[in-house]
Amino acid sequence: MSEETVVVNKRGQFTIPARLRKLHRIKEGTKLLISQDESAIIVRRLPEFDDLLGMHSGEITLLEMTTELDQMRKQDRY
């Protein structure tokens, strides 16, 4: 585990070092989960939809998957 020091500004914001942003694929708009335990604040990157494709990644496109999901939802409504 590596450590880096950052400074919190008057609005309570801090900058995640570029090396860590690249390593964890954090870009503008990425959602982060902030939690705490007894002695620490924990920042975790929330997975994006593409991260959840798992073992079937590459077998179906995102468009095909969303189209199929939409069709399944329509069938469940009626």
Protein backbone atom coordinates (compact mmCIF):
# COMPACT_ATOMS: atom_id res chain seq x y z
CA MET A 1 0.00 0.00 0.00
CA SER A 2 1.38 3.40 -0.91
CA GLU A 3 0.62 6.68 0.80
CA GLU A 4 0.55 10.25 -0.46
CA THR A 5 -0.25 13.48 1.31
CA VAL A 6 -2.95 15.74 -0.10
CA VAL A 7 -4.30 19.06 1.18
CA VAL A 8 -7.98 19.75 1.77
CA ASN A 9 -9.15 23.16 0.53
CA LYS A 10 -11.64 25.46 2.26
CA ARG A 11 -14.55 23.74 0.49
CA GLY A 12 -13.51 20.33 1.84
CA GLN A 13 -12.14 19.13 -1.51
CA PHE A 14 -8.85 17.45 -2.31
CA THR A 15 -7.18 16.24 -5.50
CA ILE A 16 -6.50 12.54 -6.01
CA PRO A 17 -2.93 12.27 -7.34
CA ALA A 18 -2.72 11.58 -11.09
CA ARG A 19 -0.86 8.30 -10.57
CA LEU A 20 -3.72 6.95 -8.46
CA ARG A 21 -6.40 8.27 -10.85
CA LYS A 22 -4.75 6.42 -13.73
CA LEU A 23 -4.22 3.25 -11.70
CA HIS A 24 -7.86 3.12 -10.61
CA ARG A 25 -9.35 4.49 -13.87
CA ILE A 26 -10.83 7.57 -12.18
CA LYS A 27 -11.79 10.30 -14.62
CA GLU A 28 -14.17 13.23 -14.60
CA GLY A 29 -17.64 11.96 -13.75
CA THR A 30 -16.44 8.75 -12.07
CA LYS A 31 -18.52 8.00 -8.98
CA LEU A 32 -16.70 7.31 -5.73
CA LEU A 33 -18.05 5.77 -2.54
CA ILE A 34 -16.89 7.48 0.65
CA SER A 35 -17.13 5.46 3.87
CA GLN A 36 -15.46 5.40 7.23
CA ASP A 37 -14.34 3.06 9.94
CA GLU A 38 -13.11 3.91 13.42
CA SER A 39 -9.85 5.47 12.25
CA ALA A 40 -10.01 6.16 8.51
CA ILE A 41 -11.95 7.67 5.64
CA ILE A 42 -12.15 5.16 2.79
CA VAL A 43 -12.59 6.16 -0.87
CA ARG A 44 -13.63 3.46 -3.36
CA ARG A 45 -14.36 3.73 -7.05
CA LEU A 46 -17.84 2.47 -7.87
CA PRO A 47 -17.86 0.03 -10.77
CA GLU A 48 -19.18 1.28 -14.09
CA PHE A 49 -21.63 -0.77 -16.14
CA ASP A 50 -18.87 -2.08 -18.43
CA ASP A 51 -16.95 -3.35 -15.39
CA LEU A 52 -19.88 -5.62 -14.53
CA LEU A 53 -19.95 -7.53 -17.83
CA GLY A 54 -17.70 -10.18 -16.30
CA MET A 55 -17.05 -13.46 -18.06
CA HIS A 56 -19.35 -12.59 -20.97
CA SER A 57 -17.38 -9.45 -21.83
CA GLY A 58 -16.89 -9.22 -25.58
CA GLU A 59 -19.66 -11.71 -26.39
CA ILE A 60 -22.36 -9.07 -26.66
CA THR A 61 -22.21 -5.33 -27.23
CA LEU A 62 -23.59 -2.85 -24.75
CA LEU A 63 -26.26 -1.84 -27.29
CA GLU A 64 -27.33 -5.45 -27.81
CA MET A 65 -27.48 -6.01 -24.06
CA THR A 66 -29.57 -2.91 -23.35
CA THR A 67 -31.91 -3.76 -26.25
CA GLU A 68 -32.43 -7.26 -24.87
CA LEU A 69 -33.00 -5.91 -21.35
CA ASP A 70 -35.57 -3.42 -22.67
CA GLN A 71 -37.43 -6.24 -24.42
CA MET A 72 -37.41 -8.35 -21.24
CA ARG A 73 -38.75 -5.41 -19.23
CA LYS A 74 -41.60 -4.87 -21.71
CA GLN A 75 -42.58 -8.55 -21.43
CA ASP A 76 -42.63 -8.36 -17.62
CA ARG A 77 -45.01 -5.37 -17.65
CA TYR A 78 -47.84 -7.16 -19.44
